[in-house]
């Protein structure tokens, strides 16, 4: 079987995707699979590169140029006896857009479908939906760009009337800490909102809280498994994109040193969030844990990072599922979901 590995993408998380893709290439079971490289450049050009039958020696294999690849249309990825592995983060990657393409091409693929991807990517929609099923959320205010331009004073009053400083300002549809800022006063809040609007037309202003960052990995389709929680051990109040993904400045503690009942609650909330959004394949649920042991869901990542120091594969390693076996399970879950959906369409 051929794995069509799609990586890169137009989003600000392009570099994270390259790191994840190379890690995956080191762990694929090449005795069972070939890997077709497909890169999406930051300009949105799709390039089809070589087919790999063994572990590549260095990252340069991912740099597709005119010399070692050809420009294709998205529909040209379709092949028989293949499965797509879209290692794409952010908009046009894990927001339901490429998942819709795979559905239209009638191809199996790894990860969540259109609905879960779209809802999970949008922080505001995630909060709206999960509030309905009792998954606790940090207080927030959503802001639309048109209203911000027309009535900024009203936005300030709404934020300051319902939230306390510090506040965190986030684009609705980005991850990996891209475009996120901390605001300690109104002047910083204004700058943070305007910066976030450089990435999205909808912005989330969230109550800042003193909390630990706890993460749970989820795996499965209808039958869901979760891991023990891990913790991002903070030495500063906020980690930006470079610290998390490029400089590897983040310390992870697996499992997290938290009470057993809190571990169990985090796993229950993660499973509930995953099933509510109709998750399939994989996701990582991120929580805030206060000193009073209050647990709040921060976000759900439907295509978490797969770098060597990413939380998702390390959590499963703690559970006894090694990186290569994790990839194999994800492939089988994608094939299972495809066959199930196809059988339903034929009835």
Protein backbone atom coordinates (compact mmCIF):
# COMPACT_ATOMS: atom_id res chain seq x y z
CA UNK A 1 0.00 0.00 0.00
CA UNK A 2 1.14 3.53 -0.69
CA UNK A 3 1.01 6.28 1.94
CA UNK A 4 0.49 9.66 0.33
CA UNK A 5 2.21 11.95 2.82
CA UNK A 6 1.02 15.52 2.40
CA UNK A 7 3.00 18.13 4.31
CA UNK A 8 3.89 21.82 4.36
CA UNK A 9 0.80 23.92 3.72
CA UNK A 10 -0.05 27.59 3.43
CA UNK A 11 -0.54 28.26 7.13
CA UNK A 12 1.86 29.86 9.60
CA UNK A 13 2.49 26.34 10.95
CA UNK A 14 4.33 25.23 7.80
CA UNK A 15 7.62 24.56 9.63
CA UNK A 16 5.93 22.40 12.27
CA UNK A 17 4.50 20.26 9.47
CA UNK A 18 7.97 19.68 7.99
CA UNK A 19 9.32 18.56 11.37
CA UNK A 20 6.38 16.21 11.85
CA UNK A 21 6.63 14.79 8.33
CA UNK A 22 10.34 13.95 8.66
CA UNK A 23 9.73 12.22 12.00
CA UNK A 24 7.02 10.10 10.40
CA UNK A 25 9.34 9.13 7.54
CA UNK A 26 11.77 7.74 10.13
CA UNK A 27 9.13 5.43 11.60
CA UNK A 28 7.04 4.12 8.69
CA UNK A 29 7.10 0.32 8.25
CA UNK A 30 8.63 0.30 4.78
CA UNK A 31 8.31 -3.49 4.52
CA UNK A 32 4.56 -2.85 4.13
CA UNK A 33 4.37 0.65 2.64
CA UNK A 34 5.81 3.00 0.07
CA UNK A 35 5.59 6.72 0.78
CA UNK A 36 4.65 9.23 -1.90
CA UNK A 37 5.84 12.73 -0.97
CA UNK A 38 3.44 15.58 -1.72
CA UNK A 39 4.39 19.05 -0.56
CA UNK A 40 2.11 22.07 -0.42
CA UNK A 41 4.28 25.17 -0.60
CA UNK A 42 3.51 28.30 1.39
CA UNK A 43 2.27 29.79 -1.86
CA UNK A 44 -0.26 26.95 -2.11
CA UNK A 45 1.43 25.05 -4.95
CA UNK A 46 1.12 21.26 -4.81
CA UNK A 47 4.29 19.36 -5.72
CA UNK A 48 4.52 15.58 -6.18
CA UNK A 49 7.97 14.26 -5.34
CA UNK A 50 9.71 10.88 -5.19
CA UNK A 51 8.33 7.64 -3.80
CA UNK A 52 10.31 6.43 -0.78
CA UNK A 53 10.90 2.77 -0.05
CA UNK A 54 13.35 3.21 2.83
CA UNK A 55 14.17 5.63 5.66
CA UNK A 56 15.56 8.91 4.25
CA UNK A 57 18.90 10.09 5.59
CA UNK A 58 18.21 13.80 6.01
CA UNK A 59 15.49 16.45 5.91
CA UNK A 60 16.45 17.74 2.49
CA UNK A 61 14.32 14.95 0.98
CA UNK A 62 11.30 17.10 1.87
CA UNK A 63 12.52 20.08 -0.18
CA UNK A 64 10.70 19.50 -3.44
CA UNK A 65 11.90 21.57 -6.38
CA UNK A 66 11.52 21.59 -10.16
CA UNK A 67 14.41 19.14 -10.34
CA UNK A 68 12.88 16.41 -8.17
CA UNK A 69 9.12 16.98 -8.41
CA UNK A 70 6.27 18.06 -10.62
CA UNK A 71 3.47 20.54 -10.03
CA UNK A 72 0.10 18.81 -9.73
CA UNK A 73 -3.50 19.68 -9.02
CA UNK A 74 -4.92 18.44 -5.68
CA UNK A 75 -7.02 15.85 -7.51
CA UNK A 76 -3.85 14.28 -8.96
CA UNK A 77 -3.06 12.63 -5.63
CA UNK A 78 -5.73 9.99 -6.23
CA UNK A 79 -4.31 6.49 -6.56
CA UNK A 80 -5.69 3.02 -5.99
CA UNK A 81 -4.51 1.05 -2.98
CA UNK A 82 -3.38 4.16 -1.12
CA UNK A 83 -4.18 6.15 1.99
CA UNK A 84 -3.58 9.86 2.54
CA UNK A 85 -1.70 11.01 5.62
CA UNK A 86 -2.22 14.79 5.81
CA UNK A 87 0.43 16.08 8.21
CA UNK A 88 -0.85 19.62 7.91
CA UNK A 89 -1.45 22.02 10.77
CA UNK A 90 -3.67 25.08 10.87
CA UNK A 91 -5.95 26.55 8.17
CA UNK A 92 -6.24 24.56 4.92
CA UNK A 93 -4.79 21.58 6.76
CA UNK A 94 -6.74 20.53 9.84
CA UNK A 95 -9.81 22.74 9.40
CA UNK A 96 -11.86 20.41 7.21
CA UNK A 97 -10.85 21.83 3.83
CA UNK A 98 -8.43 19.12 2.65
CA UNK A 99 -10.54 16.51 4.44
CA UNK A 100 -13.41 17.58 2.15
CA UNK A 101 -11.10 17.08 -0.82
CA UNK A 102 -10.29 13.52 0.26
CA UNK A 103 -14.00 12.79 0.67
CA UNK A 104 -14.72 14.10 -2.83
CA UNK A 105 -11.87 11.99 -4.24
CA UNK A 106 -13.25 8.96 -2.35
CA UNK A 107 -9.93 8.22 -0.69
CA UNK A 108 -9.19 6.90 2.80
CA UNK A 109 -7.20 9.26 5.00
CA UNK A 110 -5.71 9.47 8.46
CA UNK A 111 -7.36 11.65 11.07
CA UNK A 112 -10.62 13.42 11.75
CA UNK A 113 -13.28 14.05 9.14
CA UNK A 114 -14.69 17.32 7.86
CA UNK A 115 -16.98 18.13 10.79
CA UNK A 116 -14.57 17.38 13.64
CA UNK A 117 -11.69 19.08 11.83
CA UNK A 118 -13.66 22.26 11.12
CA UNK A 119 -15.13 22.54 14.61
CA UNK A 120 -11.93 21.54 16.40
CA UNK A 121 -9.86 24.08 14.47
CA UNK A 122 -12.21 26.93 15.32
CA UNK A 123 -11.64 27.83 18.98
CA UNK A 124 -14.90 29.78 19.22
CA UNK A 125 -17.04 27.01 17.75
CA UNK A 126 -15.32 24.46 19.99
CA UNK A 127 -16.32 26.47 23.05
CA UNK A 128 -19.92 26.93 21.87
CA UNK A 129 -20.38 23.21 21.20
CA UNK A 130 -18.63 21.77 24.24
CA UNK A 131 -20.41 24.13 26.64
CA UNK A 132 -23.61 22.34 25.63
CA UNK A 133 -22.35 18.99 26.93
CA UNK A 134 -20.88 20.26 30.18
CA UNK A 135 -17.18 20.39 29.34
CA UNK A 136 -15.89 23.36 31.40
CA UNK A 137 -14.48 26.38 29.58
CA UNK A 138 -12.47 29.44 30.63
CA UNK A 139 -14.62 32.65 30.35
CA UNK A 140 -14.19 34.35 26.97
CA UNK A 141 -15.41 37.01 24.54
CA UNK A 142 -15.49 36.47 20.77
CA UNK A 143 -14.74 39.43 18.49
CA UNK A 144 -15.50 39.84 14.78
CA UNK A 145 -13.26 42.12 12.71
CA UNK A 146 -16.07 44.22 11.23
CA UNK A 147 -17.47 45.04 14.67
CA UNK A 148 -14.00 45.80 16.00
CA UNK A 149 -13.51 48.39 13.25
CA UNK A 150 -16.93 49.96 13.87
CA UNK A 151 -17.22 49.79 17.66
CA UNK A 152 -13.89 49.15 19.40
CA UNK A 153 -15.05 50.90 22.55
CA UNK A 154 -17.96 48.49 22.90
CA UNK A 155 -15.55 45.56 22.55
CA UNK A 156 -13.27 46.98 25.25
CA UNK A 157 -16.22 47.44 27.59
CA UNK A 158 -17.48 43.92 26.96
CA UNK A 159 -14.04 42.38 27.60
CA UNK A 160 -13.36 44.45 30.70
CA UNK A 161 -16.90 43.97 31.96
CA UNK A 162 -16.77 40.16 31.88
CA UNK A 163 -13.05 39.34 32.09
CA UNK A 164 -10.11 40.42 34.24
CA UNK A 165 -6.57 41.24 33.17
CA UNK A 166 -4.43 39.50 32.14
CA UNK A 167 -6.29 38.30 29.07
CA UNK A 168 -5.06 36.10 26.24
CA UNK A 169 -5.99 37.02 22.68
CA UNK A 170 -6.03 34.30 20.02
CA UNK A 171 -6.98 34.01 16.34
CA UNK A 172 -9.99 31.70 16.14
CA UNK A 173 -8.41 29.39 13.58
CA UNK A 174 -4.72 28.94 14.32
CA UNK A 175 -2.71 26.71 16.60
CA UNK A 176 0.85 26.22 17.89
CA UNK A 177 0.65 29.58 19.74
CA UNK A 178 0.73 31.49 16.43
CA UNK A 179 -0.75 34.98 16.76
CA UNK A 180 -1.46 34.62 20.50
CA UNK A 181 -0.65 37.51 22.84
CA UNK A 182 -1.00 38.27 26.52
CA UNK A 183 -2.62 41.59 27.49
CA UNK A 184 -2.14 43.21 30.91
CA UNK A 185 -4.05 46.45 30.16
CA UNK A 186 -6.26 48.10 27.55
CA UNK A 187 -3.37 49.33 25.42
CA UNK A 188 -1.92 45.82 25.23
CA UNK A 189 -5.38 44.40 24.60
CA UNK A 190 -5.81 46.68 21.60
CA UNK A 191 -2.41 45.69 20.18
CA UNK A 192 -3.12 42.00 20.80
CA UNK A 193 -6.52 42.11 19.07
CA UNK A 194 -5.07 43.91 16.06
CA UNK A 195 -2.21 41.41 15.83
CA UNK A 196 -4.63 38.47 16.02
CA UNK A 197 -6.73 39.99 13.23
CA UNK A 198 -3.63 39.70 11.05
CA UNK A 199 -4.25 35.94 11.09
CA UNK A 200 -8.05 35.63 11.18
CA UNK A 201 -11.23 37.71 10.89
CA UNK A 202 -12.53 36.27 14.18
CA UNK A 203 -10.68 36.54 17.46
CA UNK A 204 -11.05 35.01 20.90
CA UNK A 205 -10.31 37.05 24.03
CA UNK A 206 -9.94 34.66 26.94
CA UNK A 207 -9.62 35.09 30.69
CA UNK A 208 -6.02 34.59 31.76
CA UNK A 209 -5.72 32.24 34.71
CA UNK A 210 -2.87 30.89 36.81
CA UNK A 211 -2.90 27.28 35.74
CA UNK A 212 -0.86 24.28 34.73
CA UNK A 213 -1.13 23.02 31.14
CA UNK A 214 -2.31 19.41 31.01
CA UNK A 215 -2.70 17.41 27.79
CA UNK A 216 -4.43 14.11 26.99
CA UNK A 217 -4.00 12.12 23.76
CA UNK A 218 -7.02 10.44 22.17
CA UNK A 219 -7.01 7.57 19.68
CA UNK A 220 -9.85 5.71 17.97
CA UNK A 221 -13.05 5.98 16.00
CA UNK A 222 -16.22 4.91 17.80
CA UNK A 223 -14.15 3.01 20.37
CA UNK A 224 -11.94 5.60 22.03
CA UNK A 225 -8.77 5.23 24.08
CA UNK A 226 -7.09 7.99 26.06
CA UNK A 227 -3.68 8.36 27.67
CA UNK A 228 -2.60 9.46 31.10
CA UNK A 229 -2.26 13.26 31.11
CA UNK A 230 1.08 14.89 30.43
CA UNK A 231 2.10 18.37 31.54
CA UNK A 232 3.91 21.24 29.87
CA UNK A 233 6.11 22.38 32.75
CA UNK A 234 6.32 26.15 32.45
CA UNK A 235 9.32 28.21 33.50
CA UNK A 236 7.80 31.32 31.91
CA UNK A 237 4.18 32.49 31.85
CA UNK A 238 3.70 31.93 28.13
CA UNK A 239 5.47 29.88 25.47
CA UNK A 240 5.45 31.25 21.94
CA UNK A 241 5.68 29.36 18.64
CA UNK A 242 9.50 29.32 18.48
CA UNK A 243 9.87 28.03 22.04
CA UNK A 244 7.36 25.23 21.48
CA UNK A 245 8.39 23.95 18.07
CA UNK A 246 11.67 25.36 16.78
CA UNK A 247 13.88 25.79 19.85
CA UNK A 248 12.52 22.87 21.92
CA UNK A 249 12.53 25.02 25.06
CA UNK A 250 9.49 23.31 26.57
CA UNK A 251 9.82 20.69 29.29
CA UNK A 252 7.28 17.86 29.27
CA UNK A 253 6.40 15.74 32.28
CA UNK A 254 4.78 12.40 31.45
CA UNK A 255 2.74 11.43 33.30
CA UNK A 256 1.70 14.69 34.93
CA UNK A 257 2.09 14.85 38.70
CA UNK A 258 -1.59 15.40 39.50
CA UNK A 259 -4.14 13.55 41.68
CA UNK A 260 -5.64 10.35 40.29
CA UNK A 261 -9.18 11.77 40.30
CA UNK A 262 -8.03 14.78 38.22
CA UNK A 263 -6.29 12.45 35.77
CA UNK A 264 -9.49 10.50 35.37
CA UNK A 265 -11.62 13.63 34.96
CA UNK A 266 -9.28 14.97 32.26
CA UNK A 267 -9.52 11.67 30.37
CA UNK A 268 -13.32 11.66 30.67
CA UNK A 269 -13.60 15.25 29.39
CA UNK A 270 -11.19 14.46 26.53
CA UNK A 271 -13.27 11.47 25.45
CA UNK A 272 -16.52 13.45 25.72
CA UNK A 273 -15.11 16.34 23.67
CA UNK A 274 -13.76 13.97 21.02
CA UNK A 275 -17.02 12.06 20.61
CA UNK A 276 -19.15 15.23 20.71
CA UNK A 277 -17.19 16.69 17.79
CA UNK A 278 -17.38 13.32 15.96
CA UNK A 279 -13.63 12.77 16.18
CA UNK A 280 -11.90 9.91 14.40
CA UNK A 281 -8.33 8.74 14.27
CA UNK A 282 -6.64 11.06 16.69
CA UNK A 283 -6.76 14.29 18.67
CA UNK A 284 -4.98 15.93 21.59
CA UNK A 285 -7.07 17.68 24.23
CA UNK A 286 -5.39 20.52 26.11
CA UNK A 287 -6.55 21.59 29.57
CA UNK A 288 -5.85 24.24 32.19
CA UNK A 289 -5.60 23.00 35.78
CA UNK A 290 -5.80 25.62 38.53
CA UNK A 291 -4.32 25.41 42.03
CA UNK A 292 -7.84 24.55 43.26
CA UNK A 293 -7.87 21.54 40.91
CA UNK A 294 -10.42 23.17 38.59
CA UNK A 295 -10.10 21.74 35.10
CA UNK A 296 -10.91 23.74 31.94
CA UNK A 297 -10.65 22.52 28.36
CA UNK A 298 -8.45 24.94 26.43
CA UNK A 299 -8.66 23.41 22.95
CA UNK A 300 -8.78 20.19 20.94
CA UNK A 301 -6.14 19.61 18.27
CA UNK A 302 -7.30 17.25 15.54
CA UNK A 303 -3.82 16.97 13.97
CA UNK A 304 -1.31 17.45 16.78
CA UNK A 305 2.41 17.77 16.19
CA UNK A 306 4.38 14.59 15.45
CA UNK A 307 7.88 15.94 16.01
CA UNK A 308 10.32 13.89 18.13
CA UNK A 309 9.52 16.10 21.12
CA UNK A 310 5.76 16.43 20.57
CA UNK A 311 3.42 15.54 23.40
CA UNK A 312 1.05 13.32 21.39
CA UNK A 313 3.43 10.47 20.40
CA UNK A 314 5.26 10.72 23.73
CA UNK A 315 2.00 10.21 25.65
CA UNK A 316 1.27 7.04 23.67
CA UNK A 317 4.82 5.88 24.20
CA UNK A 318 4.14 6.16 27.94
CA UNK A 319 1.10 3.90 27.40
CA UNK A 320 3.29 1.30 25.67
CA UNK A 321 2.46 2.22 22.06
CA UNK A 322 5.68 3.04 20.19
CA UNK A 323 5.87 5.64 17.41
CA UNK A 324 5.84 3.19 14.49
CA UNK A 325 2.99 1.15 15.98
CA UNK A 326 1.06 4.38 16.58
CA UNK A 327 1.37 5.30 12.90
CA UNK A 328 0.22 1.81 11.92
CA UNK A 329 -2.82 2.08 14.17
CA UNK A 330 -3.72 5.46 12.70
CA UNK A 331 -3.52 4.01 9.19
CA UNK A 332 -5.78 1.11 10.15
CA UNK A 333 -8.28 3.48 11.81
CA UNK A 334 -8.37 5.57 8.63
CA UNK A 335 -8.98 2.49 6.47
CA UNK A 336 -11.65 1.23 8.86
CA UNK A 337 -13.48 4.55 8.81
CA UNK A 338 -13.34 4.67 4.99
CA UNK A 339 -14.74 1.15 4.62
CA UNK A 340 -17.49 1.86 7.13
CA UNK A 341 -18.58 5.06 5.38
CA UNK A 342 -18.47 3.37 1.98
CA UNK A 343 -20.63 0.49 3.18
CA UNK A 344 -23.21 2.96 4.54
CA UNK A 345 -23.36 4.79 1.20
CA UNK A 346 -24.00 1.51 -0.63
CA UNK A 347 -26.99 0.53 1.51
